[in-house]
Protein backbone atom coordinates (compact mmCIF):
# COMPACT_ATOMS: atom_id res chain seq x y z
CA UNK A 1 0.00 0.00 0.00
CA UNK A 2 1.44 3.37 -0.97
CA UNK A 3 2.10 5.72 1.94
CA UNK A 4 -0.39 8.34 0.98
CA UNK A 5 -3.21 5.94 0.14
CA UNK A 6 -3.14 4.87 3.79
CA UNK A 7 -5.05 7.99 4.75
CA UNK A 8 -8.46 6.63 3.79
CA UNK A 9 -11.07 6.67 5.14
CA UNK A 10 -10.83 10.44 5.51
CA UNK A 11 -12.97 10.62 8.62
CA UNK A 12 -10.76 8.22 10.54
CA UNK A 13 -7.63 10.20 9.75
CA UNK A 14 -8.94 13.74 10.08
CA UNK A 15 -11.07 13.27 13.18
CA UNK A 16 -8.33 11.15 14.68
CA UNK A 17 -5.81 13.96 14.17
CA UNK A 18 -8.07 16.46 15.90
CA UNK A 19 -8.68 14.12 18.83
CA UNK A 20 -5.01 13.34 19.16
CA UNK A 21 -4.17 17.03 19.44
CA UNK A 22 -6.96 17.72 21.92
CA UNK A 23 -6.22 14.73 24.12
CA UNK A 24 -9.89 13.77 23.96
CA UNK A 25 -9.70 10.40 22.23
CA UNK A 26 -12.80 8.30 22.77
CA UNK A 27 -12.60 4.57 23.42
CA UNK A 28 -14.12 3.63 20.07
CA UNK A 29 -11.22 5.36 18.27
CA UNK A 30 -8.57 3.68 20.40
CA UNK A 31 -7.37 1.23 17.76
CA UNK A 32 -7.57 2.02 14.09
CA UNK A 33 -6.91 5.72 13.88
CA UNK A 34 -3.92 5.67 16.24
CA UNK A 35 -2.32 2.88 14.23
CA UNK A 36 -3.11 4.55 10.90
CA UNK A 37 -1.76 7.92 12.00
CA UNK A 38 1.34 6.38 13.48
CA UNK A 39 2.16 4.39 10.36
CA UNK A 40 1.30 7.27 8.07
CA UNK A 41 3.41 9.86 9.77
CA UNK A 42 6.39 7.65 10.57
CA UNK A 43 6.69 6.89 6.85
CA UNK A 44 5.88 10.44 5.80
CA UNK A 45 8.57 11.75 8.16
CA UNK A 46 11.20 9.49 6.60
CA UNK A 47 10.22 10.59 3.10
CA UNK A 48 10.11 14.24 4.10
CA UNK A 49 13.67 14.05 5.39
CA UNK A 50 14.79 12.10 2.34
CA UNK A 51 13.33 14.40 -0.29
CA UNK A 52 14.50 17.58 1.42
CA UNK A 53 18.06 16.25 1.76
CA UNK A 54 20.00 17.75 -1.19
CA UNK A 55 22.48 14.89 -0.95
CA UNK A 56 19.72 12.37 -1.72
CA UNK A 57 17.63 14.32 -4.21
CA UNK A 58 19.23 16.38 -6.94
CA UNK A 59 17.16 16.75 -10.12
CA UNK A 60 19.50 16.37 -13.07
CA UNK A 61 17.60 18.98 -15.08
CA UNK A 62 15.31 21.86 -14.10
CA UNK A 63 11.73 20.67 -13.63
CA UNK A 64 8.53 22.69 -13.91
CA UNK A 65 5.16 21.49 -12.66
CA UNK A 66 1.68 22.96 -12.38
CA UNK A 67 -0.31 22.86 -9.13
CA UNK A 68 -4.07 23.47 -9.38
CA UNK A 69 -5.29 24.45 -5.94
CA UNK A 70 -8.32 25.66 -4.04
CA UNK A 71 -7.89 29.33 -3.22
CA UNK A 72 -8.66 28.93 0.51
CA UNK A 73 -4.95 28.14 1.01
CA UNK A 74 -3.59 30.56 -1.59
CA UNK A 75 -1.62 32.79 0.78
CA UNK A 76 0.08 29.83 2.42
CA UNK A 77 0.98 28.22 -0.91
CA UNK A 78 2.39 31.47 -2.29
CA UNK A 79 4.53 31.80 0.82
CA UNK A 80 5.62 28.17 0.48
CA UNK A 81 6.57 28.49 -3.20
CA UNK A 82 8.78 31.47 -2.38
CA UNK A 83 10.49 29.74 0.53
CA UNK A 84 10.84 26.43 -1.33
CA UNK A 85 12.68 28.23 -4.14
CA UNK A 86 15.43 29.11 -1.63
CA UNK A 87 16.18 25.43 -0.89
CA UNK A 88 18.76 23.44 -2.84
CA UNK A 89 16.11 21.19 -4.41
CA UNK A 90 13.78 24.12 -4.96
CA UNK A 91 16.34 25.98 -7.01
CA UNK A 92 15.82 23.42 -9.78
CA UNK A 93 12.06 22.94 -9.38
CA UNK A 94 9.61 25.60 -10.57
CA UNK A 95 6.08 25.47 -9.14
CA UNK A 96 3.37 27.12 -11.26
CA UNK A 97 0.36 27.87 -9.07
CA UNK A 98 -3.02 27.59 -10.85
CA UNK A 99 -5.93 28.90 -8.74
CA UNK A 100 -9.00 26.80 -9.44
CA UNK A 101 -12.17 25.82 -7.59
CA UNK A 102 -12.10 22.25 -6.32
CA UNK A 103 -14.90 20.96 -8.56
CA UNK A 104 -13.53 23.03 -11.43
CA UNK A 105 -10.13 21.39 -10.93
CA UNK A 106 -11.57 17.89 -11.21
CA UNK A 107 -13.27 18.89 -14.47
CA UNK A 108 -10.02 20.39 -15.78
CA UNK A 109 -8.04 17.18 -15.23
CA UNK A 110 -10.83 15.12 -16.77
CA UNK A 111 -10.60 17.48 -19.74
CA UNK A 112 -6.85 16.73 -19.85
CA UNK A 113 -5.60 20.19 -18.95
CA UNK A 114 -1.89 19.53 -19.51
CA UNK A 115 -0.84 22.37 -17.23
CA UNK A 116 -1.85 20.35 -14.15
CA UNK A 117 0.52 17.82 -12.59
CA UNK A 118 -0.72 18.17 -9.01
CA UNK A 119 -4.30 18.79 -7.91
CA UNK A 120 -4.92 20.13 -4.40
CA UNK A 121 -8.64 20.73 -3.83
CA UNK A 122 -9.96 21.86 -0.47
CA UNK A 123 -11.25 18.41 0.41
CA UNK A 124 -10.80 14.79 -0.60
CA UNK A 125 -14.60 14.56 -0.63
CA UNK A 126 -14.37 15.69 -4.26
CA UNK A 127 -11.73 13.07 -5.19
CA UNK A 128 -14.40 10.76 -6.61
CA UNK A 129 -15.47 13.45 -9.11
CA UNK A 130 -12.11 12.92 -10.81
CA UNK A 131 -11.08 9.39 -9.91
CA UNK A 132 -14.24 7.45 -10.74
CA UNK A 133 -14.95 8.94 -14.21
CA UNK A 134 -11.24 8.72 -15.12
CA UNK A 135 -11.04 5.07 -14.06
CA UNK A 136 -14.16 4.23 -16.07
CA UNK A 137 -12.62 5.76 -19.19
CA UNK A 138 -8.94 4.85 -18.78
CA UNK A 139 -9.04 1.73 -16.61
CA UNK A 140 -6.65 3.10 -13.97
CA UNK A 141 -6.51 5.72 -11.25
CA UNK A 142 -5.32 9.21 -12.22
CA UNK A 143 -3.80 9.61 -8.74
CA UNK A 144 -0.27 8.38 -8.07
CA UNK A 145 -0.27 9.41 -4.42
CA UNK A 146 -2.04 11.69 -1.99
CA UNK A 147 -1.45 13.22 1.42
CA UNK A 148 -3.39 15.73 3.56
CA UNK A 149 -1.64 19.11 3.82
CA UNK A 150 -3.77 20.91 6.42
CA UNK A 151 -7.17 20.51 8.04
CA UNK A 152 -10.09 22.89 8.45
CA UNK A 153 -13.76 22.06 9.10
CA UNK A 154 -16.82 23.78 7.64
CA UNK A 155 -18.46 26.34 9.94
CA UNK A 156 -21.38 28.74 9.90
CA UNK A 157 -20.54 32.41 10.42
CA UNK A 158 -23.24 34.98 11.27
CA UNK A 159 -23.14 38.58 12.41
CA UNK A 160 -23.48 38.34 16.18
CA UNK A 161 -26.62 40.47 16.52
CA UNK A 162 -28.35 38.40 13.82
CA UNK A 163 -27.14 35.20 15.48
CA UNK A 164 -28.56 36.19 18.87
CA UNK A 165 -31.94 37.00 17.32
CA UNK A 166 -31.84 33.80 15.23
CA UNK A 167 -31.32 31.44 18.17
CA UNK A 168 -33.98 33.23 20.18
CA UNK A 169 -36.41 32.18 17.47
CA UNK A 170 -35.05 28.82 16.30
CA UNK A 171 -32.90 27.52 19.16
CA UNK A 172 -29.89 26.54 17.06
CA UNK A 173 -28.24 27.07 13.69
CA UNK A 174 -28.52 24.16 11.29
CA UNK A 175 -29.68 23.75 7.71
CA UNK A 176 -33.26 23.04 8.76
CA UNK A 177 -33.54 26.27 10.75
CA UNK A 178 -31.70 28.23 8.05
CA UNK A 179 -34.28 26.92 5.54
CA UNK A 180 -37.09 28.11 7.81
CA UNK A 181 -35.58 31.60 8.04
CA UNK A 182 -34.89 31.84 4.31
CA UNK A 183 -38.47 30.83 3.51
CA UNK A 184 -40.00 33.39 5.89
CA UNK A 185 -41.78 35.88 3.57
CA UNK A 186 -41.44 38.87 5.90
CA UNK A 187 -37.93 38.01 7.02
CA UNK A 188 -36.67 39.54 10.25
CA UNK A 189 -40.03 41.14 10.95
CA UNK A 190 -41.41 37.67 11.70
CA UNK A 191 -38.16 36.20 13.05
CA UNK A 192 -37.28 38.90 15.59
CA UNK A 193 -39.70 41.83 15.16
CA UNK A 194 -36.92 43.71 13.37
CA UNK A 195 -38.41 44.74 10.00
CA UNK A 196 -35.54 47.21 9.48
CA UNK A 197 -33.22 44.24 8.97
CA UNK A 198 -35.12 43.15 5.86
CA UNK A 199 -35.20 39.50 4.78
CA UNK A 200 -32.93 36.83 6.19
CA UNK A 201 -29.95 36.27 3.88
CA UNK A 202 -27.46 33.40 3.81
CA UNK A 203 -24.87 32.20 1.32
CA UNK A 204 -22.57 29.44 0.17
CA UNK A 205 -20.46 29.14 -2.96
CA UNK A 206 -21.58 27.72 -6.29
CA UNK A 207 -21.47 23.91 -5.81
CA UNK A 208 -20.76 23.18 -9.47
CA UNK A 209 -17.44 25.03 -9.11
CA UNK A 210 -16.47 25.18 -5.46
CA UNK A 211 -15.83 22.55 -2.79
CA UNK A 212 -17.44 24.51 0.06
CA UNK A 213 -20.66 24.96 -1.91
CA UNK A 214 -20.83 21.27 -2.73
CA UNK A 215 -20.13 20.34 0.89
CA UNK A 216 -22.92 22.69 1.97
CA UNK A 217 -25.32 20.62 -0.14
CA UNK A 218 -23.90 17.41 1.34
CA UNK A 219 -24.41 18.69 4.88
CA UNK A 220 -27.96 19.73 4.01
CA UNK A 221 -28.64 16.11 3.07
CA UNK A 222 -27.16 14.80 6.32
CA UNK A 223 -29.17 17.34 8.35
CA UNK A 224 -32.41 16.60 6.52
CA UNK A 225 -32.15 12.83 7.05
CA UNK A 226 -30.54 13.18 10.51
CA UNK A 227 -27.65 10.78 9.82
CA UNK A 228 -23.85 10.89 10.21
CA UNK A 229 -22.85 8.35 7.57
CA UNK A 230 -23.90 6.49 4.45
CA UNK A 231 -26.08 9.10 2.76
CA UNK A 232 -27.64 7.11 -0.09
CA UNK A 233 -28.48 8.07 -3.67
CA UNK A 234 -32.07 6.93 -3.06
CA UNK A 235 -32.37 9.45 -0.23
CA UNK A 236 -31.14 12.29 -2.44
CA UNK A 237 -33.91 11.48 -4.93
CA UNK A 238 -36.59 11.54 -2.20
CA UNK A 239 -39.35 13.93 -3.32
CA UNK A 240 -39.61 15.60 0.09
CA UNK A 241 -35.87 16.30 0.19
CA UNK A 242 -35.80 17.65 -3.36
CA UNK A 243 -38.70 20.01 -2.60
CA UNK A 244 -37.08 21.20 0.66
CA UNK A 245 -33.67 21.76 -0.97
CA UNK A 246 -35.16 23.47 -4.02
CA UNK A 247 -37.13 25.98 -1.93
CA UNK A 248 -34.16 26.78 0.27
CA UNK A 249 -31.70 27.16 -2.59
CA UNK A 250 -34.12 29.42 -4.42
CA UNK A 251 -33.54 32.00 -1.66
CA UNK A 252 -29.83 31.29 -1.10
CA UNK A 253 -26.97 33.52 -2.26
CA UNK A 254 -24.79 31.20 -4.38
CA UNK A 255 -23.21 33.40 -7.05
CA UNK A 256 -19.61 33.31 -5.82
CA UNK A 257 -17.29 30.55 -7.05
CA UNK A 258 -14.60 31.25 -4.43
CA UNK A 259 -15.08 30.74 -0.69
CA UNK A 260 -12.60 33.50 0.08
CA UNK A 261 -14.42 35.99 -2.13
CA UNK A 262 -17.78 35.00 -0.62
CA UNK A 263 -16.54 35.75 2.88
CA UNK A 264 -14.87 38.95 1.71
CA UNK A 265 -18.25 40.05 0.31
CA UNK A 266 -19.86 39.44 3.69
CA UNK A 267 -17.14 41.49 5.43
CA UNK A 268 -17.17 44.24 2.80
CA UNK A 269 -20.91 44.86 2.55
CA UNK A 270 -22.02 43.79 6.01
CA UNK A 271 -25.31 42.33 7.25
CA UNK A 272 -27.40 44.33 4.77
CA UNK A 273 -26.13 41.93 2.09
CA UNK A 274 -25.34 38.70 3.94
CA UNK A 275 -26.49 37.75 7.45
CA UNK A 276 -24.43 34.58 7.37
CA UNK A 277 -22.42 32.11 5.29
CA UNK A 278 -20.95 28.63 5.42
CA UNK A 279 -17.17 28.82 4.96
CA UNK A 280 -13.92 27.21 6.10
CA UNK A 281 -12.92 27.61 9.73
CA UNK A 282 -9.56 29.15 8.81
CA UNK A 283 -11.24 31.98 6.88
CA UNK A 284 -13.60 32.70 9.76
CA UNK A 285 -10.87 32.71 12.42
CA UNK A 286 -8.44 34.74 10.31
CA UNK A 287 -10.92 37.59 9.95
CA UNK A 288 -12.40 37.99 13.43
CA UNK A 289 -10.82 41.41 13.98
CA UNK A 290 -11.54 42.55 10.43
CA UNK A 291 -15.24 41.88 10.98
CA UNK A 292 -15.27 43.59 14.35
CA UNK A 293 -13.65 46.69 12.90
CA UNK A 294 -16.20 47.05 10.10
CA UNK A 295 -19.70 45.94 11.12
CA UNK A 296 -19.31 44.37 14.54
CA UNK A 297 -18.54 40.93 15.94
CA UNK A 298 -19.31 37.68 14.13
CA UNK A 299 -20.31 34.38 15.67
CA UNK A 300 -18.52 31.24 14.50
CA UNK A 301 -20.86 28.26 14.88
CA UNK A 302 -19.60 24.68 14.62
CA UNK A 303 -22.33 22.48 13.11
CA UNK A 304 -23.50 19.33 14.84
CA UNK A 305 -22.56 17.66 11.59
CA UNK A 306 -19.59 19.03 9.71
CA UNK A 307 -16.95 17.74 7.31
CA UNK A 308 -13.18 18.00 7.29
CA UNK A 309 -11.39 19.75 4.50
CA UNK A 310 -8.03 18.01 4.44
CA UNK A 311 -6.52 19.91 1.48
CA UNK A 312 -5.12 16.76 -0.17
CA UNK A 313 -2.05 16.92 -2.38
CA UNK A 314 -2.83 14.65 -5.34
CA UNK A 315 0.20 13.84 -7.46
CA UNK A 316 -1.29 12.85 -10.79
CA UNK A 317 -0.51 9.73 -12.79
CA UNK A 318 -1.61 11.07 -16.17
CA UNK A 319 -0.08 10.85 -19.67
CA UNK A 320 1.33 14.40 -19.62
CA UNK A 321 3.08 14.07 -16.23
CA UNK A 322 6.62 12.68 -16.37
CA UNK A 323 8.38 10.67 -13.64
CA UNK A 324 10.63 13.68 -13.07
CA UNK A 325 7.62 15.91 -12.45
CA UNK A 326 6.06 13.35 -10.13
CA UNK A 327 9.30 13.13 -8.16
CA UNK A 328 9.56 16.92 -8.00
CA UNK A 329 5.98 17.06 -6.71
CA UNK A 330 6.91 14.71 -3.87
CA UNK A 331 9.75 17.01 -2.91
CA UNK A 332 7.43 20.03 -2.71
CA UNK A 333 4.87 17.95 -0.78
CA UNK A 334 7.57 17.08 1.75
CA UNK A 335 8.42 20.76 2.14
CA UNK A 336 4.75 21.60 2.79
CA UNK A 337 4.56 18.91 5.47
CA UNK A 338 7.72 20.01 7.25
CA UNK A 339 7.16 21.34 10.79
CA UNK A 340 8.26 24.84 9.80
CA UNK A 341 5.79 25.08 6.92
CA UNK A 342 3.03 23.52 9.01
CA UNK A 343 3.54 26.09 11.76
CA UNK A 344 3.25 28.89 9.21
CA UNK A 345 -0.02 27.37 7.98
CA UNK A 346 -1.26 27.20 11.56
CA UNK A 347 -0.06 30.53 12.94
CA UNK A 348 -0.45 32.81 9.93
CA UNK A 349 -3.44 31.24 8.18
CA UNK A 350 -5.27 29.33 10.97
CA UNK A 351 -5.09 25.96 9.22
CA UNK A 352 -4.84 22.92 11.49
CA UNK A 353 -1.59 21.01 10.87
CA UNK A 354 -1.77 17.68 9.06
CA UNK A 355 1.66 16.83 10.46
CA UNK A 356 0.68 15.19 13.76
CA UNK A 357 3.97 16.22 15.33
CA UNK A 358 2.81 19.86 15.22
CA UNK A 359 0.12 20.57 17.85
CA UNK A 360 -3.01 22.49 16.97
CA UNK A 361 -2.92 24.43 20.24
CA UNK A 362 0.32 25.28 22.00
CA UNK A 363 1.40 28.32 23.98
CA UNK A 364 1.71 31.37 21.76
CA UNK A 365 0.17 29.72 18.69
CA UNK A 366 -2.60 31.33 16.67
CA UNK A 367 -5.13 28.76 17.90
CA UNK A 368 -4.13 29.51 21.48
CA UNK A 369 -5.07 33.15 20.88
CA UNK A 370 -8.57 32.24 19.67
CA UNK A 371 -9.14 29.24 21.95
CA UNK A 372 -12.33 30.76 23.34
CA UNK A 373 -13.84 30.60 19.85
CA UNK A 374 -12.40 27.32 18.55
CA UNK A 375 -13.99 23.91 18.98
CA UNK A 376 -11.13 21.43 18.65
CA UNK A 377 -13.10 18.19 18.48
CA UNK A 378 -15.78 18.39 15.79
CA UNK A 379 -18.28 15.68 14.71
CA UNK A 380 -17.44 14.88 11.10
CA UNK A 381 -19.57 12.97 8.61
CA UNK A 382 -18.29 10.29 6.31
CA UNK A 383 -17.77 11.40 2.74
CA UNK A 384 -20.48 10.32 0.30
CA UNK A 385 -20.05 8.53 -3.00
CA UNK A 386 -19.69 10.18 -6.40
CA UNK A 387 -23.30 9.37 -7.30
CA UNK A 388 -24.58 11.33 -4.29
CA UNK A 389 -22.42 14.36 -5.19
CA UNK A 390 -23.51 14.27 -8.82
CA UNK A 391 -27.20 14.02 -7.91
CA UNK A 392 -26.91 16.95 -5.49
CA UNK A 393 -25.35 19.13 -8.19
CA UNK A 394 -28.06 18.17 -10.67
CA UNK A 395 -30.82 19.05 -8.19
CA UNK A 396 -29.11 22.34 -7.41
CA UNK A 397 -28.82 23.28 -11.10
CA UNK A 398 -32.54 22.67 -11.57
CA UNK A 399 -33.32 24.75 -8.45
CA UNK A 400 -31.31 27.72 -9.72
């Protein structure tokens, strides 16, 4: 079994990592995830040291490779590319960053975009959108290896005054209560006797392009059927669910294709445009002071059912990617997983480290500074199959 393919199932690895850091491991996790994480990281550590050792890896010729990535980690990757270029190996490896929505990236590789040698979407949930169609057509996986780079769960973010009024009416924030608020004809007049606030507004990104939008639809399904695993295609085609989702999405703001731009819109225009959004935790935590300085405090709400975004690093096994490019990609992957790079991801960009030797919370770290806001241990769903994702996107397109 290749090192990086040991990370599946995603839930066992990602939730296990969070529990390990928090010291809150439950008895039912005591076996598998500890063994998987131990084996994964002991091997990853060896490879990291090997590939970053200029005595062991010296590309004979300069190598250039393209990395298509979800923009939620853009600042970290741009920093990493600059720092990597200063290393001995990095002086002969050129990384071309290609910003691309996660779903859009899968479509680009399926369309044989020859610029792409590595695909790093926000979440491995979308892996099946590439892997399964490619395997049906070509008879083999398009993925040579994969490894999680950094973790961040999905969260709701609402302006605090709207949040307080919302829970007074509905008790909690989930997709069922959000649907109720979105479908309220008189908006805040009925919700909180605040007609001056207008209608209730909420947003997620476009699911046909962006990972966070697609995961929003997935979490809607899990909330509607009140399950944590094994969401079935037959459930997605349930008439009651389709009607519920269609009505909610008809009132949802879904024009943005980038999660970062969606959240920037909320911060720029304030509650008159968006009362709340579903975004990545790292975006929410990174902008707490920005929000406070513009329109007031925001409330970060961890769903009862969420999903990990593990930012996988997929090294592609495709006709246009040479062995030299695949080897160079492994070198850059090792750099990204090094403790120094992982601490930058954590402390500058509020991404949870995938390297289990780097704690999430330690004295002086960014997570330590926002520990009153952060929920370390989050209940994560299991990722659904490609058929479920495809059906959700089809329903959404009909709704819009």
